[in-house]
């Protein structure tokens, strides 16, 4: 007969019921003849179970049935992820061909349903990659078509780079086809809509033209005609998109715009230089004073000299800042006129963009200066003392030096409430957690309080509070130092530094406070100090939504007052007994409403009765008047 220890059975049944394997994986059996360990293997259901196995399974089924959670006899095997990670050959070696086929199909389905989110960083990185390919084609195709030596000496390099860029162009079309777009604020992931949107766009037409395999004409013309690849430049829109997204992602927007402008100007100068050299080649080198000098001179025959000279000529012409050779032929005059017109547009663009960027960079300073000038004019009009005027000016200087805003609410006004809350939580939540009173409070309450915090800046010598003042705010020192001073201000008893908190008890209105919610010390700013302020009204406005947290905060405040022996227990009990609870107020209001409704119903009934009586009396009077009118009319007729 088998004997199963009770502790072992209960432990193993609990583990087996939850799908795991007990540490006591074996069940020890005791018999006079032998002792054996029987293992329950869920992966071998075909094996004939032993008597002990059947007994254990019966106990397990009965326990599962009793708890309402019937389970199948075949137990799932717990995967050992650690062993799978460290095993030789990994998990792939354990997969059957069917499992591999299923995994491959699931991977294919995943990539077929994958949609590129244009707001993610990987899309921006892809724009960077494709922009390099576009920039390569914009710069080097025209240069190779103009300077034959460049094309002939590095053909292997150009072939490699050309077809790498073509491969990226093809990948970019696939990415564009899978790129989602926003519709009613949601990212469209339907491939049919994405395909229709891309195929009907202008970008698809230019992308398709840019990838037309014009290289096949090399079979006719030879490989020394890179002009056949000019269609690759049509992908220029991706470069513009990359620059636009860079300007929105970086904090140095003005710097990025300046670099973009410089790059565009350099590309125009580069193309103009190549066109100038090509015209010189067509007219004849050294045939007049306007074209490129004769290449019979070894110095002028060098590739670097050809390009640098052409680039120099193009820069002087387009920027109109230097002397250039006078054209002698009609085609030369026409080319120079077009260059001058382009140069005027470039100059206007440079002046306009740079001026706009400088204005944007100085916008904050100009606004700050305008407000300070307004305050100065007001102080001069009101004949403010020089000492006070200097304090105000120093306060403005402190704000500007530390890059502080006069009103943070105005700065964040354009943001939605959700983003405002996230910014406030990021900036102020750690500060609020330092307050012992608010520690262990529910997160929702802390978030609401964070939104109520306001930054205040105090100048040297400013009093934050004085002894005896009614406490209406609590303060958290963000930066600077405060001094707890005597009544005359000459002696400093203590110094409050960053992270210090004061005034939190006074805004709770705790009954029995011996100080009556008044300030107990004089606190003065030693230097410039930044303090976060939470007003009593804002606190109680938030606590109305968190009644449980309200009671917890009051209990914490009482505990702090008891610790400092500042709580009058008898007075607290009397005041709390006199205080009317919210339920009592609601009951009293309900009673008053019932009384008012009853009185209103009675008055309405009296009004209706009186109105009915008046109508009856008016009807009787009208009948009497009609009779009198008839009598008078009959009498008049008789007299006549």
Foldseek 3Di string as FASTA:
>chain_A
DWDFDPVVLVQQLVQQLVQHAGPPQWTWTDDPVDIDTDGDDLVCPVDDDDPVVVVSLVVSQVVCVVVVRGDDPRGDHDDDVVCQVPPPPHCVVVDDPVRVVVVVVVVVVCVVQDAAECVDPVVLVLLVVLLVLLVCCLQVLLVLQQDVCVCVPPVVVCVVSVVVNLVSLVVVVVNQLRYWDDDPRDTDRPSVVSNVVLVPDPLNVLSVQLNPPLVVCCVVVNSSRSVSNNSVNSNVVSNVVSLVVVLVPDPPNLVSVVVVLVVVVLSVLSNQLSVLSNVLVVVDACPDDQHHHHVVPVVSVDPVNSRVVSSVQSVCLLCVPDDHDDDDDPVVVVSSVVSNVNSVVSVVVVVVSVVVSVCVVCVVVVVLVVVLVVVVVVCVVVVPDPVVNVQVVVVSVVCVVVVHDPAVCVVCVPPDPVVVLVVLCVVPLVLVCLDPLCPPPDPVLSSLQSSQKDKDKDAAFDWPFAFFAAQFKKKAWQAAKKFFADPVRPGGDDIDGHSDIDLPLLLLQQFQQQSRSTDHTIIGGHHITMMIMHGSVSSVVSCVVVVVSSVSSSVVSVVVCVVVVRGDPVRNVVVVVPDDDPVNVVVVVVVVVVVVVVVVVVVVVVVVVVVVVVVVVVVVVVVVVVVVVVVVVVVVVVVD
